[in-house]
Amino acid sequence: MSTTVLKVPLIHIFVDHSSIWGGARLSSKIHHPKIDDFRARVSVRHLDEVLVSRRKGVTTKIVSGGIPPGMEGVWAEYQKAGYDTQRLFRDNNWKERGVDHSLIGHMWRLLARYQAAPIILVLASGDGKSNEFGTSFFEIVEEVLTHSKYNAWQLELASFDWRCPQDAAFRSPTNQRMKALVDKSPRGRFVNLFEHYRVVVYHD
């Protein structure tokens, strides 16, 4: 009598902290307009709980970002939660370089090595624009969700998102073209961190 072995998907989590913190700050303007949005912080422990969602099989946790002076402790929080922290330098104008490009490189490596394996790719970022190196998260999302060679894959996109009123001074930080790809695909899932605001965001 033969038995069928079910393959449990392996979960790979990639966090663009700069994008997530930017979304937290904009969300803070909506929920707490009287508080300086620069005081908004991301609760790494609760963000991780949302991304992992009590599932087993997490094999990769990588976070990339540039942290302003005085906020270096966030790296210790990510390390405590089991993340490989990849800290990027800023230029003389405090503009970050290579934050998303670093994560994109890791994800392309994953795509190249494990096409047929059951994978859940979790990307925490709303940034779908091309970076200074000509790469983008959008390319990853499009590759996974539109090619049959990744039929064993699922992709989850996590970001702060809301409908923007006509008179709003700012818009959702989520790239809507990338979100549309996720919403359209049966293998895609959008995790709206705006709905988890009260547990993911706090103020110092």
N, C-alpha and C. Protein backbone atom coordinates (compact mmCIF):
# COMPACT_ATOMS: atom_id res chain seq x y z
N MET A 1 0.85 -1.19 0.00
CA MET A 1 0.00 0.00 0.00
C MET A 1 0.89 1.25 0.00
N SER A 2 0.71 2.08 -0.98
CA SER A 2 1.53 3.29 -1.07
C SER A 2 0.85 4.44 -0.36
N THR A 3 1.65 5.30 0.15
CA THR A 3 1.13 6.49 0.81
C THR A 3 1.58 7.73 0.06
N THR A 4 0.73 8.72 0.02
CA THR A 4 1.05 9.97 -0.66
C THR A 4 1.63 10.95 0.34
N VAL A 5 2.80 11.46 0.03
CA VAL A 5 3.44 12.44 0.89
C VAL A 5 3.11 13.84 0.39
N LEU A 6 2.44 14.59 1.20
CA LEU A 6 2.08 15.96 0.83
C LEU A 6 3.25 16.89 1.12
N LYS A 7 3.63 17.66 0.13
CA LYS A 7 4.72 18.61 0.31
C LYS A 7 4.20 19.88 0.97
N VAL A 8 4.81 20.22 2.10
CA VAL A 8 4.43 21.45 2.79
C VAL A 8 5.20 22.60 2.16
N PRO A 9 4.51 23.66 1.74
CA PRO A 9 5.22 24.79 1.12
C PRO A 9 6.23 25.41 2.10
N LEU A 10 7.38 25.76 1.58
CA LEU A 10 8.37 26.48 2.37
C LEU A 10 8.08 27.97 2.24
N ILE A 11 8.20 28.68 3.33
CA ILE A 11 7.85 30.10 3.37
C ILE A 11 9.11 30.95 3.41
N HIS A 12 9.20 31.90 2.51
CA HIS A 12 10.35 32.80 2.43
C HIS A 12 9.83 34.23 2.57
N ILE A 13 10.31 34.93 3.59
CA ILE A 13 9.80 36.26 3.91
C ILE A 13 10.88 37.31 3.66
N PHE A 14 10.50 38.34 2.91
CA PHE A 14 11.42 39.44 2.59
C PHE A 14 10.75 40.76 2.98
N VAL A 15 11.44 41.57 3.77
CA VAL A 15 10.87 42.82 4.27
C VAL A 15 11.71 44.01 3.82
N ASP A 16 11.08 44.93 3.14
CA ASP A 16 11.70 46.22 2.79
C ASP A 16 11.28 47.18 3.90
N HIS A 17 12.14 47.32 4.92
CA HIS A 17 11.74 48.09 6.10
C HIS A 17 11.46 49.55 5.77
N SER A 18 12.22 50.12 4.85
CA SER A 18 12.01 51.52 4.50
C SER A 18 10.61 51.76 3.95
N SER A 19 10.14 50.84 3.11
CA SER A 19 8.79 50.95 2.55
C SER A 19 7.74 50.76 3.64
N ILE A 20 7.96 49.78 4.52
CA ILE A 20 6.99 49.51 5.57
C ILE A 20 6.92 50.66 6.56
N TRP A 21 8.08 51.21 6.93
CA TRP A 21 8.07 52.35 7.86
C TRP A 21 7.41 53.56 7.20
N GLY A 22 7.67 53.77 5.90
CA GLY A 22 7.01 54.87 5.19
C GLY A 22 5.51 54.71 5.20
N GLY A 23 5.03 53.48 5.01
CA GLY A 23 3.59 53.22 5.06
C GLY A 23 3.03 53.43 6.44
N ALA A 24 3.81 53.07 7.47
CA ALA A 24 3.37 53.28 8.85
C ALA A 24 3.23 54.77 9.15
N ARG A 25 4.16 55.56 8.65
CA ARG A 25 4.10 57.01 8.89
C ARG A 25 2.88 57.64 8.21
N LEU A 26 2.62 57.24 6.96
CA LEU A 26 1.45 57.77 6.27
C LEU A 26 0.15 57.33 6.95
N SER A 27 0.13 56.08 7.39
CA SER A 27 -1.05 55.57 8.11
C SER A 27 -1.27 56.33 9.40
N SER A 28 -0.17 56.70 10.05
CA SER A 28 -0.25 57.46 11.29
C SER A 28 -0.91 58.82 11.07
N LYS A 29 -0.68 59.40 9.90
CA LYS A 29 -1.30 60.69 9.60
C LYS A 29 -2.82 60.57 9.53
N ILE A 30 -3.30 59.39 9.15
CA ILE A 30 -4.74 59.16 9.07
C ILE A 30 -5.32 58.87 10.45
N HIS A 31 -4.66 57.96 11.18
CA HIS A 31 -5.17 57.54 12.48
C HIS A 31 -4.87 58.53 13.61
N HIS A 32 -3.72 59.19 13.53
CA HIS A 32 -3.31 60.11 14.60
C HIS A 32 -2.75 61.39 13.98
N PRO A 33 -3.60 62.20 13.37
CA PRO A 33 -3.12 63.39 12.65
C PRO A 33 -2.44 64.43 13.54
N LYS A 34 -2.66 64.38 14.84
CA LYS A 34 -2.07 65.37 15.74
C LYS A 34 -0.69 64.95 16.25
N ILE A 35 -0.27 63.73 15.92
CA ILE A 35 1.04 63.24 16.35
C ILE A 35 2.01 63.32 15.17
N ASP A 36 3.21 63.83 15.42
CA ASP A 36 4.23 63.90 14.38
C ASP A 36 4.46 62.50 13.81
N ASP A 37 4.27 62.34 12.51
CA ASP A 37 4.37 61.01 11.91
C ASP A 37 5.78 60.43 12.00
N PHE A 38 6.80 61.27 12.23
CA PHE A 38 8.16 60.76 12.37
C PHE A 38 8.30 59.90 13.63
N ARG A 39 7.36 60.07 14.56
CA ARG A 39 7.38 59.28 15.78
C ARG A 39 6.78 57.89 15.59
N ALA A 40 6.19 57.65 14.44
CA ALA A 40 5.59 56.33 14.18
C ALA A 40 6.68 55.28 14.07
N ARG A 41 6.44 54.14 14.69
CA ARG A 41 7.39 53.04 14.67
C ARG A 41 6.67 51.75 14.27
N VAL A 42 7.42 50.81 13.72
CA VAL A 42 6.87 49.52 13.34
C VAL A 42 7.20 48.52 14.44
N SER A 43 6.19 47.85 14.98
CA SER A 43 6.41 46.79 15.95
C SER A 43 6.86 45.55 15.17
N VAL A 44 8.14 45.28 15.22
CA VAL A 44 8.69 44.17 14.45
C VAL A 44 8.06 42.84 14.87
N ARG A 45 7.87 42.66 16.16
CA ARG A 45 7.29 41.41 16.64
C ARG A 45 5.89 41.19 16.07
N HIS A 46 5.07 42.24 16.08
CA HIS A 46 3.71 42.09 15.58
C HIS A 46 3.66 42.02 14.05
N LEU A 47 4.56 42.74 13.39
CA LEU A 47 4.64 42.62 11.93
C LEU A 47 5.00 41.20 11.56
N ASP A 48 5.96 40.63 12.26
CA ASP A 48 6.37 39.26 11.98
C ASP A 48 5.21 38.29 12.21
N GLU A 49 4.42 38.52 13.25
CA GLU A 49 3.27 37.65 13.52
C GLU A 49 2.26 37.71 12.38
N VAL A 50 2.06 38.90 11.82
CA VAL A 50 1.13 39.04 10.70
C VAL A 50 1.67 38.31 9.46
N LEU A 51 2.97 38.46 9.20
CA LEU A 51 3.56 37.85 8.01
C LEU A 51 3.65 36.33 8.11
N VAL A 52 4.02 35.85 9.28
CA VAL A 52 4.14 34.40 9.47
C VAL A 52 2.76 33.76 9.61
N SER A 53 1.87 34.45 10.31
CA SER A 53 0.49 34.00 10.50
C SER A 53 0.41 32.57 11.07
N ARG A 54 1.28 32.29 12.05
CA ARG A 54 1.29 31.01 12.77
C ARG A 54 1.57 29.80 11.89
N ARG A 55 2.12 30.02 10.71
CA ARG A 55 2.40 28.90 9.82
C ARG A 55 3.78 28.32 10.10
N LYS A 56 3.92 27.04 9.82
CA LYS A 56 5.20 26.38 9.93
C LYS A 56 5.85 26.32 8.54
N GLY A 57 7.15 26.12 8.53
CA GLY A 57 7.85 25.99 7.26
C GLY A 57 8.59 27.23 6.84
N VAL A 58 8.73 28.21 7.75
CA VAL A 58 9.47 29.43 7.41
C VAL A 58 10.96 29.10 7.37
N THR A 59 11.57 29.30 6.21
CA THR A 59 12.99 28.98 6.06
C THR A 59 13.86 30.21 5.81
N THR A 60 13.25 31.28 5.36
CA THR A 60 14.00 32.50 5.06
C THR A 60 13.30 33.71 5.67
N LYS A 61 14.08 34.55 6.35
CA LYS A 61 13.59 35.84 6.83
C LYS A 61 14.71 36.84 6.60
N ILE A 62 14.49 37.74 5.66
CA ILE A 62 15.50 38.75 5.36
C ILE A 62 14.85 40.13 5.36
N VAL A 63 15.51 41.08 6.01
CA VAL A 63 15.04 42.46 6.01
C VAL A 63 16.18 43.35 5.53
N SER A 64 15.82 44.33 4.73
CA SER A 64 16.81 45.29 4.24
C SER A 64 16.28 46.69 4.48
N GLY A 65 17.19 47.62 4.71
CA GLY A 65 16.75 48.99 4.92
C GLY A 65 17.88 49.87 5.39
N GLY A 66 17.63 51.16 5.36
CA GLY A 66 18.56 52.14 5.90
C GLY A 66 17.90 52.79 7.11
N ILE A 67 18.54 52.71 8.25
CA ILE A 67 17.93 53.19 9.49
C ILE A 67 18.51 54.53 9.89
N PRO A 68 17.66 55.54 10.12
CA PRO A 68 18.15 56.86 10.55
C PRO A 68 18.84 56.78 11.90
N PRO A 69 19.75 57.71 12.19
CA PRO A 69 20.43 57.74 13.49
C PRO A 69 19.42 57.79 14.63
N GLY A 70 19.71 57.03 15.68
CA GLY A 70 18.82 57.00 16.83
C GLY A 70 17.80 55.89 16.76
N MET A 71 17.69 55.21 15.61
CA MET A 71 16.70 54.14 15.46
C MET A 71 17.38 52.81 15.16
N GLU A 72 18.66 52.71 15.50
CA GLU A 72 19.41 51.49 15.20
C GLU A 72 18.85 50.27 15.92
N GLY A 73 18.15 50.48 17.02
CA GLY A 73 17.60 49.38 17.80
C GLY A 73 16.63 48.51 17.04
N VAL A 74 16.08 49.02 15.94
CA VAL A 74 15.12 48.23 15.17
C VAL A 74 15.80 46.99 14.59
N TRP A 75 17.11 47.09 14.30
CA TRP A 75 17.82 45.92 13.78
C TRP A 75 17.87 44.81 14.82
N ALA A 76 18.06 45.20 16.08
CA ALA A 76 18.08 44.20 17.16
C ALA A 76 16.73 43.51 17.27
N GLU A 77 15.65 44.27 17.04
CA GLU A 77 14.31 43.68 17.08
C GLU A 77 14.13 42.66 15.96
N TYR A 78 14.60 43.00 14.77
CA TYR A 78 14.50 42.06 13.65
C TYR A 78 15.35 40.81 13.92
N GLN A 79 16.54 41.00 14.44
CA GLN A 79 17.41 39.86 14.74
C GLN A 79 16.78 38.96 15.78
N LYS A 80 16.15 39.55 16.77
CA LYS A 80 15.47 38.76 17.80
C LYS A 80 14.34 37.94 17.20
N ALA A 81 13.72 38.46 16.15
CA ALA A 81 12.62 37.74 15.48
C ALA A 81 13.14 36.76 14.43
N GLY A 82 14.47 36.63 14.32
CA GLY A 82 15.05 35.63 13.42
C GLY A 82 15.37 36.11 12.01
N TYR A 83 15.43 37.42 11.82
CA TYR A 83 15.70 37.96 10.48
C TYR A 83 17.19 38.16 10.24
N ASP A 84 17.60 37.89 9.01
CA ASP A 84 18.92 38.27 8.54
C ASP A 84 18.81 39.75 8.18
N THR A 85 19.53 40.59 8.90
CA THR A 85 19.42 42.03 8.69
C THR A 85 20.49 42.52 7.74
N GLN A 86 20.07 43.14 6.66
CA GLN A 86 21.00 43.67 5.67
C GLN A 86 20.88 45.18 5.66
N ARG A 87 21.83 45.81 6.28
CA ARG A 87 21.79 47.25 6.49
C ARG A 87 22.46 47.97 5.33
N LEU A 88 21.75 48.91 4.76
CA LEU A 88 22.25 49.65 3.61
C LEU A 88 22.66 51.05 4.02
N PHE A 89 23.69 51.55 3.39
CA PHE A 89 24.18 52.89 3.68
C PHE A 89 23.37 53.94 2.92
N ARG A 90 23.37 55.15 3.45
CA ARG A 90 22.74 56.27 2.77
C ARG A 90 23.84 57.14 2.17
N ASP A 91 23.48 57.93 1.13
CA ASP A 91 24.47 58.83 0.56
C ASP A 91 24.50 60.13 1.34
N ASN A 92 25.22 61.13 0.84
CA ASN A 92 25.38 62.39 1.57
C ASN A 92 24.06 63.14 1.75
N ASN A 93 23.10 62.85 0.89
CA ASN A 93 21.78 63.48 1.00
C ASN A 93 20.79 62.60 1.74
N TRP A 94 21.29 61.56 2.41
CA TRP A 94 20.49 60.63 3.20
C TRP A 94 19.50 59.85 2.34
N LYS A 95 19.83 59.72 1.07
CA LYS A 95 19.00 58.90 0.19
C LYS A 95 19.54 57.47 0.22
N GLU A 96 18.64 56.51 0.40
CA GLU A 96 19.06 55.11 0.47
C GLU A 96 19.40 54.58 -0.91
N ARG A 97 20.35 53.67 -0.94
CA ARG A 97 20.72 53.03 -2.20
C ARG A 97 20.76 51.52 -1.99
N GLY A 98 20.10 50.80 -2.87
CA GLY A 98 20.22 49.36 -2.87
C GLY A 98 19.33 48.60 -1.91
N VAL A 99 18.40 49.26 -1.24
CA VAL A 99 17.55 48.58 -0.26
C VAL A 99 16.73 47.48 -0.93
N ASP A 100 15.95 47.85 -1.94
CA ASP A 100 15.14 46.84 -2.61
C ASP A 100 15.98 45.95 -3.52
N HIS A 101 17.05 46.49 -4.08
CA HIS A 101 17.90 45.71 -4.99
C HIS A 101 18.51 44.51 -4.27
N SER A 102 18.86 44.69 -3.02
CA SER A 102 19.42 43.59 -2.22
C SER A 102 18.41 42.46 -2.08
N LEU A 103 17.18 42.81 -1.74
CA LEU A 103 16.13 41.79 -1.59
C LEU A 103 15.79 41.14 -2.93
N ILE A 104 15.77 41.94 -3.97
CA ILE A 104 15.44 41.43 -5.31
C ILE A 104 16.44 40.37 -5.73
N GLY A 105 17.72 40.59 -5.43
CA GLY A 105 18.74 39.61 -5.76
C GLY A 105 18.49 38.28 -5.07
N HIS A 106 18.11 38.31 -3.80
CA HIS A 106 17.81 37.09 -3.06
C HIS A 106 16.59 36.37 -3.66
N MET A 107 15.60 37.15 -4.05
CA MET A 107 14.39 36.54 -4.60
C MET A 107 14.63 35.92 -5.97
N TRP A 108 15.41 36.59 -6.82
CA TRP A 108 15.71 36.00 -8.14
C TRP A 108 16.47 34.70 -7.96
N ARG A 109 17.35 34.63 -6.97
CA ARG A 109 18.09 33.39 -6.70
C ARG A 109 17.12 32.28 -6.32
N LEU A 110 16.12 32.65 -5.52
CA LEU A 110 15.10 31.69 -5.10
C LEU A 110 14.31 31.19 -6.30
N LEU A 111 13.94 32.11 -7.18
CA LEU A 111 13.17 31.74 -8.37
C LEU A 111 13.98 30.82 -9.29
N ALA A 112 15.26 31.07 -9.39
CA ALA A 112 16.10 30.28 -10.28
C ALA A 112 16.32 28.86 -9.77
N ARG A 113 16.36 28.70 -8.46
CA ARG A 113 16.71 27.40 -7.88
C ARG A 113 15.51 26.50 -7.59
N TYR A 114 14.34 27.09 -7.32
CA TYR A 114 13.23 26.28 -6.83
C TYR A 114 11.94 26.49 -7.63
N GLN A 115 12.02 26.44 -8.93
CA GLN A 115 10.86 26.70 -9.78
C GLN A 115 9.70 25.75 -9.49
N ALA A 116 9.99 24.47 -9.37
CA ALA A 116 8.91 23.49 -9.25
C ALA A 116 8.53 23.19 -7.81
N ALA A 117 9.26 23.70 -6.85
CA ALA A 117 8.99 23.40 -5.43
C ALA A 117 7.84 24.25 -4.92
N PRO A 118 7.03 23.70 -4.01
CA PRO A 118 5.95 24.50 -3.41
C PRO A 118 6.53 25.57 -2.49
N ILE A 119 6.34 26.81 -2.87
CA ILE A 119 6.92 27.95 -2.16
C ILE A 119 5.84 28.98 -1.86
N ILE A 120 5.91 29.58 -0.68
CA ILE A 120 5.11 30.77 -0.39
C ILE A 120 6.09 31.92 -0.25
N LEU A 121 6.06 32.83 -1.18
CA LEU A 121 6.94 34.00 -1.17
C LEU A 121 6.17 35.16 -0.57
N VAL A 122 6.66 35.68 0.54
CA VAL A 122 6.02 36.80 1.23
C VAL A 122 6.89 38.04 1.05
N LEU A 123 6.33 39.06 0.44
CA LEU A 123 7.06 40.31 0.21
C LEU A 123 6.35 41.43 0.96
N ALA A 124 7.04 42.02 1.91
CA ALA A 124 6.48 43.15 2.66
C ALA A 124 7.06 44.43 2.10
N SER A 125 6.36 45.00 1.16
CA SER A 125 6.76 46.26 0.53
C SER A 125 5.65 46.71 -0.40
N GLY A 126 5.48 48.02 -0.50
CA GLY A 126 4.50 48.55 -1.44
C GLY A 126 5.16 49.18 -2.65
N ASP A 127 6.49 49.12 -2.69
CA ASP A 127 7.26 49.80 -3.73
C ASP A 127 7.35 48.94 -4.99
N GLY A 128 6.76 49.42 -6.06
CA GLY A 128 6.81 48.69 -7.32
C GLY A 128 7.58 49.40 -8.40
N LYS A 129 8.24 50.50 -8.05
CA LYS A 129 8.99 51.28 -9.04
C LYS A 129 10.36 50.66 -9.31
N SER A 130 10.92 50.96 -10.47
CA SER A 130 12.28 50.53 -10.77
C SER A 130 13.25 51.36 -9.94
N ASN A 131 14.28 50.71 -9.43
CA ASN A 131 15.26 51.43 -8.61
C ASN A 131 16.41 51.94 -9.46
N GLU A 132 17.44 52.47 -8.80
CA GLU A 132 18.56 53.06 -9.52
C GLU A 132 19.39 52.03 -10.29
N PHE A 133 19.16 50.74 -9.99
CA PHE A 133 19.87 49.68 -10.70
C PHE A 133 19.01 49.06 -11.80
N GLY A 134 17.79 49.57 -11.98
CA GLY A 134 16.92 49.09 -13.05
C GLY A 134 16.11 47.85 -12.71
N THR A 135 16.10 47.44 -11.44
CA THR A 135 15.31 46.27 -11.03
C THR A 135 14.12 46.74 -10.20
N SER A 136 13.15 45.83 -9.99
CA SER A 136 11.97 46.22 -9.22
C SER A 136 11.28 45.00 -8.62
N PHE A 137 10.51 45.24 -7.56
CA PHE A 137 9.70 44.18 -6.98
C PHE A 137 8.61 43.76 -7.95
N PHE A 138 8.14 44.69 -8.76
CA PHE A 138 7.09 44.38 -9.72
C PHE A 138 7.52 43.23 -10.64
N GLU A 139 8.78 43.23 -11.06
CA GLU A 139 9.28 42.17 -11.94
C GLU A 139 9.16 40.80 -11.27
N ILE A 140 9.46 40.75 -9.97
CA ILE A 140 9.37 39.50 -9.23
C ILE A 140 7.92 39.02 -9.17
N VAL A 141 7.03 39.93 -8.78
CA VAL A 141 5.61 39.59 -8.66
C VAL A 141 5.06 39.12 -10.00
N GLU A 142 5.39 39.82 -11.06
CA GLU A 142 4.91 39.46 -12.40
C GLU A 142 5.45 38.10 -12.82
N GLU A 143 6.73 37.84 -12.55
CA GLU A 143 7.34 36.56 -12.95
C GLU A 143 6.66 35.39 -12.26
N VAL A 144 6.45 35.52 -10.94
CA VAL A 144 5.86 34.42 -10.17
C VAL A 144 4.41 34.16 -10.55
N LEU A 145 3.63 35.21 -10.71
CA LEU A 145 2.19 35.05 -10.86
C LEU A 145 1.70 34.91 -12.30
N THR A 146 2.56 35.12 -13.28
CA THR A 146 2.08 35.05 -14.67
C THR A 146 2.75 33.93 -15.47
N HIS A 147 3.66 33.18 -14.87
CA HIS A 147 4.34 32.10 -15.59
C HIS A 147 3.98 30.74 -14.99
N SER A 148 3.63 29.81 -15.87
CA SER A 148 3.17 28.49 -15.42
C SER A 148 4.27 27.69 -14.72
N LYS A 149 5.53 28.01 -14.96
CA LYS A 149 6.60 27.26 -14.31
C LYS A 149 6.62 27.48 -12.80
N TYR A 150 5.87 28.48 -12.33
CA TYR A 150 5.77 28.73 -10.89
C TYR A 150 4.38 28.38 -10.36
N ASN A 151 3.72 27.43 -11.01
CA ASN A 151 2.37 27.06 -10.59
C ASN A 151 2.32 26.50 -9.17
N ALA A 152 3.45 26.02 -8.67
CA ALA A 152 3.49 25.49 -7.30
C ALA A 152 3.71 26.59 -6.27
N TRP A 153 3.89 27.81 -6.76
CA TRP A 153 4.19 28.94 -5.87
C TRP A 153 2.93 29.72 -5.51
N GLN A 154 2.99 30.34 -4.35
CA GLN A 154 2.02 31.35 -3.94
C GLN A 154 2.80 32.61 -3.58
N LEU A 155 2.20 33.75 -3.79
CA LEU A 155 2.88 35.01 -3.46
C LEU A 155 1.96 35.88 -2.63
N GLU A 156 2.47 36.36 -1.52
CA GLU A 156 1.73 37.26 -0.64
C GLU A 156 2.43 38.60 -0.61
N LEU A 157 1.68 39.64 -0.86
CA LEU A 157 2.20 41.00 -0.84
C LEU A 157 1.60 41.72 0.37
N ALA A 158 2.45 42.25 1.23
CA ALA A 158 1.98 42.94 2.44
C ALA A 158 2.39 44.41 2.39
N SER A 159 1.39 45.28 2.55
CA SER A 159 1.67 46.71 2.51
C SER A 159 0.48 47.47 3.09
N PHE A 160 0.72 48.72 3.44
CA PHE A 160 -0.37 49.59 3.91
C PHE A 160 -1.11 50.13 2.68
N ASP A 161 -2.42 49.98 2.67
CA ASP A 161 -3.17 50.42 1.50
C ASP A 161 -4.52 50.97 1.93
N TRP A 162 -4.96 52.02 1.27
CA TRP A 162 -6.28 52.60 1.54
C TRP A 162 -6.76 53.33 0.30
N ARG A 163 -8.05 53.53 0.23
CA ARG A 163 -8.62 54.31 -0.86
C ARG A 163 -8.41 55.78 -0.57
N CYS A 164 -7.94 56.48 -1.54
CA CYS A 164 -7.59 57.88 -1.35
C CYS A 164 -8.76 58.79 -1.69
N PRO A 165 -9.26 59.58 -0.73
CA PRO A 165 -10.32 60.55 -1.03
C PRO A 165 -9.83 61.58 -2.05
N GLN A 166 -10.76 62.19 -2.74
CA GLN A 166 -10.40 63.15 -3.78
C GLN A 166 -9.57 64.32 -3.23
N ASP A 167 -9.84 64.72 -1.98
CA ASP A 167 -9.15 65.88 -1.44
C ASP A 167 -7.94 65.50 -0.58
N ALA A 168 -7.53 64.25 -0.63
CA ALA A 168 -6.42 63.80 0.22
C ALA A 168 -5.10 64.39 -0.27
N ALA A 169 -4.23 64.70 0.68
CA ALA A 169 -2.94 65.29 0.35
C ALA A 169 -1.89 64.21 0.08
N PHE A 170 -2.22 62.96 0.33
CA PHE A 170 -1.28 61.87 0.07
C PHE A 170 -2.05 60.63 -0.33
N ARG A 171 -1.36 59.73 -0.98
CA ARG A 171 -1.99 58.51 -1.47
C ARG A 171 -1.41 57.28 -0.79
N SER A 172 -2.08 56.18 -0.96
CA SER A 172 -1.59 54.92 -0.43
C SER A 172 -0.19 54.65 -0.99
N PRO A 173 0.72 54.15 -0.15
CA PRO A 173 2.09 53.86 -0.62
C PRO A 173 2.20 52.57 -1.41
N THR A 174 1.10 51.86 -1.58
CA THR A 174 1.13 50.58 -2.30
C THR A 174 1.04 50.81 -3.80
N ASN A 175 1.98 50.24 -4.53
CA ASN A 175 1.95 50.32 -5.98
C ASN A 175 0.72 49.57 -6.48
N GLN A 176 -0.22 50.27 -7.07
CA GLN A 176 -1.50 49.66 -7.43
C GLN A 176 -1.39 48.69 -8.60
N ARG A 177 -0.42 48.88 -9.47
CA ARG A 177 -0.22 47.94 -10.57
C ARG A 177 0.25 46.59 -10.02
N MET A 178 1.11 46.64 -9.02
CA MET A 178 1.60 45.41 -8.41
C MET A 178 0.48 44.73 -7.61
N LYS A 179 -0.29 45.52 -6.89
CA LYS A 179 -1.41 44.97 -6.13
C LYS A 179 -2.44 44.32 -7.05
N ALA A 180 -2.68 44.94 -8.22
CA ALA A 180 -3.66 44.40 -9.16
C ALA A 180 -3.23 43.02 -9.66
N LEU A 181 -1.94 42.83 -9.88
CA LEU A 181 -1.44 41.53 -10.28
C LEU A 181 -1.74 40.47 -9.22
N VAL A 182 -1.52 40.85 -7.96
CA VAL A 182 -1.75 39.93 -6.84
C VAL A 182 -3.22 39.61 -6.70
N ASP A 183 -4.06 40.63 -6.77
CA ASP A 183 -5.51 40.43 -6.61
C ASP A 183 -6.09 39.58 -7.73
N LYS A 184 -5.54 39.71 -8.91
CA LYS A 184 -6.06 39.00 -10.08
C LYS A 184 -5.69 37.52 -10.08
N SER A 185 -4.54 37.20 -9.50
CA SER A 185 -4.04 35.82 -9.58
C SER A 185 -4.63 34.93 -8.49
N PRO A 186 -5.02 33.70 -8.83
CA PRO A 186 -5.49 32.75 -7.81
C PRO A 186 -4.37 32.31 -6.88
N ARG A 187 -3.13 32.60 -7.27
CA ARG A 187 -2.00 32.25 -6.42
C ARG A 187 -1.45 33.45 -5.64
N GLY A 188 -2.17 34.56 -5.74
CA GLY A 188 -1.73 35.77 -5.07
C GLY A 188 -2.64 36.13 -3.90
N ARG A 189 -2.09 36.78 -2.92
CA ARG A 189 -2.86 37.24 -1.76
C ARG A 189 -2.29 38.56 -1.26
N PHE A 190 -3.17 39.53 -1.06
CA PHE A 190 -2.73 40.82 -0.55
C PHE A 190 -3.04 40.91 0.94
N VAL A 191 -2.03 41.25 1.73
CA VAL A 191 -2.18 41.42 3.17
C VAL A 191 -2.13 42.92 3.45
N ASN A 192 -3.28 43.49 3.80
CA ASN A 192 -3.34 44.93 4.01
C ASN A 192 -2.93 45.27 5.45
N LEU A 193 -1.74 45.81 5.60
CA LEU A 193 -1.24 46.15 6.93
C LEU A 193 -2.01 47.31 7.55
N PHE A 194 -2.72 48.07 6.72
CA PHE A 194 -3.55 49.16 7.24
C PHE A 194 -4.63 48.60 8.16
N GLU A 195 -5.09 47.39 7.87
CA GLU A 195 -6.10 46.74 8.70
C GLU A 195 -5.50 46.22 10.02
N HIS A 196 -4.19 46.13 10.07
CA HIS A 196 -3.48 45.69 11.28
C HIS A 196 -2.77 46.85 11.96
N TYR A 197 -3.14 48.07 11.59
CA TYR A 197 -2.43 49.25 12.05
C TYR A 197 -2.26 49.29 13.57
N ARG A 198 -3.31 49.02 14.31
CA ARG A 198 -3.28 49.19 15.76
C ARG A 198 -2.34 48.22 16.47
N VAL A 199 -1.96 47.14 15.82
CA VAL A 199 -1.00 46.23 16.44
C VAL A 199 0.39 46.36 15.83
N VAL A 200 0.47 46.83 14.57
CA VAL A 200 1.75 46.91 13.90
C VAL A 200 2.45 48.25 14.13
N VAL A 201 1.67 49.31 14.34
CA VAL A 201 2.27 50.66 14.46
C VAL A 201 2.08 51.21 15.88
N TYR A 202 3.12 51.83 16.40
CA TYR A 202 3.04 52.53 17.67
C TYR A 202 3.88 53.82 17.56
N HIS A 203 3.84 54.66 18.57
CA HIS A 203 4.61 55.90 18.58
C HIS A 203 5.58 55.93 19.74
N ASP A 204 6.77 56.46 19.50
CA ASP A 204 7.76 56.50 20.56
C ASP A 204 7.48 57.66 21.52
